N, C-alpha and C. Protein backbone atom coordinates (compact mmCIF):
# COMPACT_ATOMS: atom_id res chain seq x y z
N MET A 1 -38.13 96.62 21.73
CA MET A 1 -37.59 96.94 20.86
C MET A 1 -38.40 95.86 19.82
N GLU A 2 -38.77 96.63 17.98
CA GLU A 2 -38.51 95.75 16.72
C GLU A 2 -38.11 94.49 16.30
N ILE A 3 -38.41 93.63 16.06
CA ILE A 3 -37.57 92.79 15.53
C ILE A 3 -38.75 92.11 14.26
N LEU A 4 -37.28 93.07 13.23
CA LEU A 4 -38.12 92.64 11.57
C LEU A 4 -37.70 90.69 11.15
N SER A 5 -37.77 89.83 10.36
CA SER A 5 -37.62 89.33 9.42
C SER A 5 -37.35 88.78 8.62
N LEU A 6 -36.27 88.46 7.63
CA LEU A 6 -35.89 87.91 6.67
C LEU A 6 -35.63 86.86 6.29
N ASP A 7 -36.56 85.47 5.96
CA ASP A 7 -35.44 84.58 5.86
C ASP A 7 -35.15 83.85 4.48
N LEU A 8 -33.63 84.03 4.92
CA LEU A 8 -32.74 83.37 2.76
C LEU A 8 -32.89 81.97 2.96
N THR A 9 -33.94 81.31 3.83
CA THR A 9 -32.90 79.64 3.96
C THR A 9 -33.44 79.70 2.24
N THR A 10 -34.23 80.03 1.17
CA THR A 10 -34.58 79.67 0.03
C THR A 10 -33.15 80.54 -0.65
N GLN A 11 -32.32 81.21 -0.59
CA GLN A 11 -31.45 81.70 -1.08
C GLN A 11 -29.98 81.08 -0.67
N ARG A 12 -28.95 81.44 -2.13
CA ARG A 12 -27.31 80.86 -2.32
C ARG A 12 -26.95 82.29 -2.23
N CYS A 13 -25.74 82.40 -2.34
CA CYS A 13 -24.42 83.41 -1.88
C CYS A 13 -24.92 83.85 -3.42
N PRO A 14 -24.86 84.62 -3.96
CA PRO A 14 -24.44 86.12 -3.83
C PRO A 14 -25.75 86.69 -3.38
N LEU A 15 -26.40 86.22 -3.58
CA LEU A 15 -27.93 87.37 -3.96
C LEU A 15 -28.20 86.42 -1.96
N ALA A 16 -27.71 85.77 -1.50
CA ALA A 16 -28.37 85.51 0.26
C ALA A 16 -27.52 87.03 0.33
N LEU A 17 -26.64 87.18 0.25
CA LEU A 17 -25.69 88.36 0.69
C LEU A 17 -25.83 90.07 0.23
N LEU A 18 -26.80 89.80 -1.12
CA LEU A 18 -27.29 91.10 -1.26
C LEU A 18 -28.88 91.58 -0.58
N LEU A 19 -29.20 90.77 -0.19
CA LEU A 19 -30.53 90.66 0.87
C LEU A 19 -30.31 91.00 1.17
N ALA A 20 -29.70 90.54 2.67
CA ALA A 20 -28.97 90.73 3.90
C ALA A 20 -28.48 92.39 3.91
N LYS A 21 -27.59 92.82 3.03
CA LYS A 21 -26.63 94.20 3.15
C LYS A 21 -28.03 94.88 3.03
N ARG A 22 -28.86 94.64 2.28
CA ARG A 22 -29.86 95.96 1.68
C ARG A 22 -30.82 95.36 2.67
N ALA A 23 -31.63 94.71 3.64
CA ALA A 23 -32.11 95.13 4.55
C ALA A 23 -30.98 95.28 5.86
N CYS A 24 -30.20 95.27 6.13
CA CYS A 24 -29.19 96.29 7.46
C CYS A 24 -29.05 97.08 7.03
N ALA A 25 -29.01 98.00 6.04
CA ALA A 25 -28.78 99.13 5.91
C ALA A 25 -29.70 100.05 6.12
N LYS A 26 -31.57 99.09 5.94
CA LYS A 26 -32.83 100.11 6.09
C LYS A 26 -32.90 100.06 7.49
N LEU A 27 -32.40 99.24 8.40
CA LEU A 27 -32.49 98.96 9.74
C LEU A 27 -31.86 100.49 10.60
N LEU A 28 -33.20 101.07 11.32
CA LEU A 28 -32.96 102.02 12.40
C LEU A 28 -32.48 101.84 13.67
N SER A 29 -31.84 102.61 13.85
CA SER A 29 -31.11 101.78 15.55
C SER A 29 -31.66 101.27 16.82
N GLU A 30 -32.82 101.23 16.76
CA GLU A 30 -34.05 100.39 17.91
C GLU A 30 -34.82 99.56 16.90
N GLN A 31 -34.02 99.09 15.97
CA GLN A 31 -34.77 97.87 15.40
C GLN A 31 -33.49 96.46 14.95
N GLN A 32 -33.87 95.58 15.31
CA GLN A 32 -33.19 93.60 15.09
C GLN A 32 -34.09 93.14 14.41
N LEU A 33 -32.74 92.90 13.19
CA LEU A 33 -32.92 91.70 12.27
C LEU A 33 -32.69 90.50 12.43
N GLU A 34 -33.89 89.97 12.51
CA GLU A 34 -33.50 88.42 12.10
C GLU A 34 -33.15 87.54 11.29
N LEU A 35 -32.24 87.18 10.93
CA LEU A 35 -31.29 86.67 9.58
C LEU A 35 -31.92 84.85 9.96
N ARG A 36 -32.30 84.01 8.92
CA ARG A 36 -32.25 82.85 8.75
C ARG A 36 -31.41 82.45 7.28
N ILE A 37 -30.67 81.96 7.59
CA ILE A 37 -29.93 81.22 7.00
C ILE A 37 -29.70 79.94 6.30
N SER A 38 -28.98 79.42 5.34
CA SER A 38 -29.41 77.68 5.29
C SER A 38 -27.72 77.56 4.27
N ASP A 39 -27.58 78.58 3.32
CA ASP A 39 -26.47 78.05 2.49
C ASP A 39 -25.40 77.96 3.34
N SER A 40 -24.68 77.42 2.54
CA SER A 40 -23.20 77.06 3.53
C SER A 40 -22.31 78.54 3.12
N GLY A 41 -21.96 79.03 1.91
CA GLY A 41 -21.29 80.10 1.80
C GLY A 41 -22.35 81.33 2.51
N ALA A 42 -23.01 81.15 2.33
CA ALA A 42 -23.98 82.55 3.20
C ALA A 42 -24.05 82.42 4.58
N ARG A 43 -23.53 81.31 5.42
CA ARG A 43 -23.24 80.99 6.40
C ARG A 43 -22.02 82.16 7.31
N SER A 44 -21.16 82.04 6.42
CA SER A 44 -19.97 82.11 6.40
C SER A 44 -20.12 83.50 5.38
N ASP A 45 -20.56 84.15 5.33
CA ASP A 45 -19.91 85.77 4.16
C ASP A 45 -20.65 86.57 4.73
N ILE A 46 -21.76 85.97 5.73
CA ILE A 46 -22.96 86.96 5.62
C ILE A 46 -22.64 87.45 7.41
N PRO A 47 -22.08 86.39 8.33
CA PRO A 47 -21.72 87.39 9.28
C PRO A 47 -20.10 87.54 9.37
N ARG A 48 -19.50 87.36 8.40
CA ARG A 48 -18.00 88.22 8.16
C ARG A 48 -18.63 89.77 7.19
N TYR A 49 -19.72 89.56 7.07
CA TYR A 49 -19.58 91.04 6.31
C TYR A 49 -20.12 91.91 7.45
N LEU A 50 -20.87 91.39 8.47
CA LEU A 50 -21.93 92.31 8.98
C LEU A 50 -20.64 92.70 10.39
N LEU A 51 -20.01 91.54 10.64
CA LEU A 51 -19.10 91.96 11.67
C LEU A 51 -18.65 93.09 11.64
N ASN A 52 -18.12 93.13 10.11
CA ASN A 52 -16.67 93.43 9.41
C ASN A 52 -17.30 95.30 8.96
N HIS A 53 -18.73 95.24 9.29
CA HIS A 53 -18.84 96.62 9.22
C HIS A 53 -19.66 96.99 9.78
N GLY A 54 -19.37 96.45 11.27
CA GLY A 54 -20.35 96.96 12.69
C GLY A 54 -20.87 96.57 12.90
N TYR A 55 -21.76 96.07 12.32
CA TYR A 55 -22.92 95.66 13.16
C TYR A 55 -23.05 94.19 14.28
N ILE A 56 -24.06 94.61 15.52
CA ILE A 56 -23.70 93.40 16.12
C ILE A 56 -24.32 92.38 15.98
N ILE A 57 -24.09 90.83 16.34
CA ILE A 57 -24.63 89.72 16.01
C ILE A 57 -25.03 89.10 16.68
N ASP A 58 -25.84 88.38 16.98
CA ASP A 58 -26.33 87.52 18.55
C ASP A 58 -26.47 86.19 17.44
N THR A 59 -26.06 84.98 17.80
CA THR A 59 -27.20 83.64 17.06
C THR A 59 -27.67 83.16 17.74
N VAL A 60 -28.78 82.66 17.18
CA VAL A 60 -29.44 81.77 18.29
C VAL A 60 -29.71 80.64 18.17
N VAL A 61 -30.20 80.97 17.02
CA VAL A 61 -29.71 78.50 16.35
C VAL A 61 -28.40 78.58 15.74
N ASN A 62 -27.30 78.11 15.26
CA ASN A 62 -26.40 77.52 14.84
C ASN A 62 -26.32 75.87 14.31
N ASP A 63 -27.15 75.22 13.85
CA ASP A 63 -27.07 73.99 13.76
C ASP A 63 -27.09 73.45 12.11
N ASN A 64 -27.29 72.07 11.69
CA ASN A 64 -27.11 71.58 10.71
C ASN A 64 -27.58 71.77 9.53
N THR A 65 -28.85 71.90 9.63
CA THR A 65 -29.46 72.76 8.68
C THR A 65 -29.78 74.38 8.69
N GLN A 66 -29.72 75.38 9.91
CA GLN A 66 -29.64 76.63 9.41
C GLN A 66 -28.87 77.85 10.48
N LEU A 67 -28.76 78.86 10.12
CA LEU A 67 -27.93 80.11 10.89
C LEU A 67 -29.30 80.66 11.48
N VAL A 68 -29.84 80.92 12.85
CA VAL A 68 -30.09 82.15 13.06
C VAL A 68 -29.70 83.39 13.28
N MET A 69 -30.26 84.19 13.38
CA MET A 69 -29.01 85.95 14.46
C MET A 69 -29.96 86.14 14.24
N LEU A 70 -29.31 87.49 15.30
CA LEU A 70 -30.06 88.62 15.32
C LEU A 70 -29.39 89.93 15.01
N VAL A 71 -29.74 90.32 13.73
CA VAL A 71 -29.07 91.47 14.42
C VAL A 71 -29.03 93.35 14.11
N LYS A 72 -28.31 93.40 14.90
CA LYS A 72 -28.27 95.25 15.22
C LYS A 72 -27.09 96.26 14.79
N LYS A 73 -27.72 97.70 14.79
CA LYS A 73 -27.28 98.45 13.77
C LYS A 73 -25.81 98.75 15.87
N GLY A 74 -24.34 98.66 15.12
CA GLY A 74 -24.12 99.34 15.56
C GLY A 74 -23.73 100.43 15.84
N HIS A 75 -21.99 101.29 16.78
CA HIS A 75 -21.73 102.16 16.89
C HIS A 75 -21.45 103.46 15.41
N ALA A 76 -21.17 102.44 14.88
CA ALA A 76 -19.95 103.44 13.86
C ALA A 76 -20.81 102.19 12.56
N SER A 77 -21.98 102.11 12.04
CA SER A 77 -22.17 100.83 11.32
C SER A 77 -22.47 101.29 9.98
N THR A 78 -21.86 100.96 8.64
CA THR A 78 -21.61 101.18 7.66
C THR A 78 -22.14 100.00 6.63
N CYS A 79 -22.85 100.35 5.74
CA CYS A 79 -23.30 99.08 4.94
C CYS A 79 -23.49 98.77 3.48
């Protein structure tokens, strides 16, 4: 399974959310996307958006400095 990566640690919401949406929309069913997020707003907005739109999220790191998660398409994903 191919894992793509998107580092959003230098981006703040709403741009971080927009970039995450675009990247997720391009995911194929066999791909995963590793998202790295540091902005506090994006750390809450991006996971909420992804879950509400049918994506599957696995959290890798969630500490004081960043959130790292693996995202893949769910069964009925709409971005």
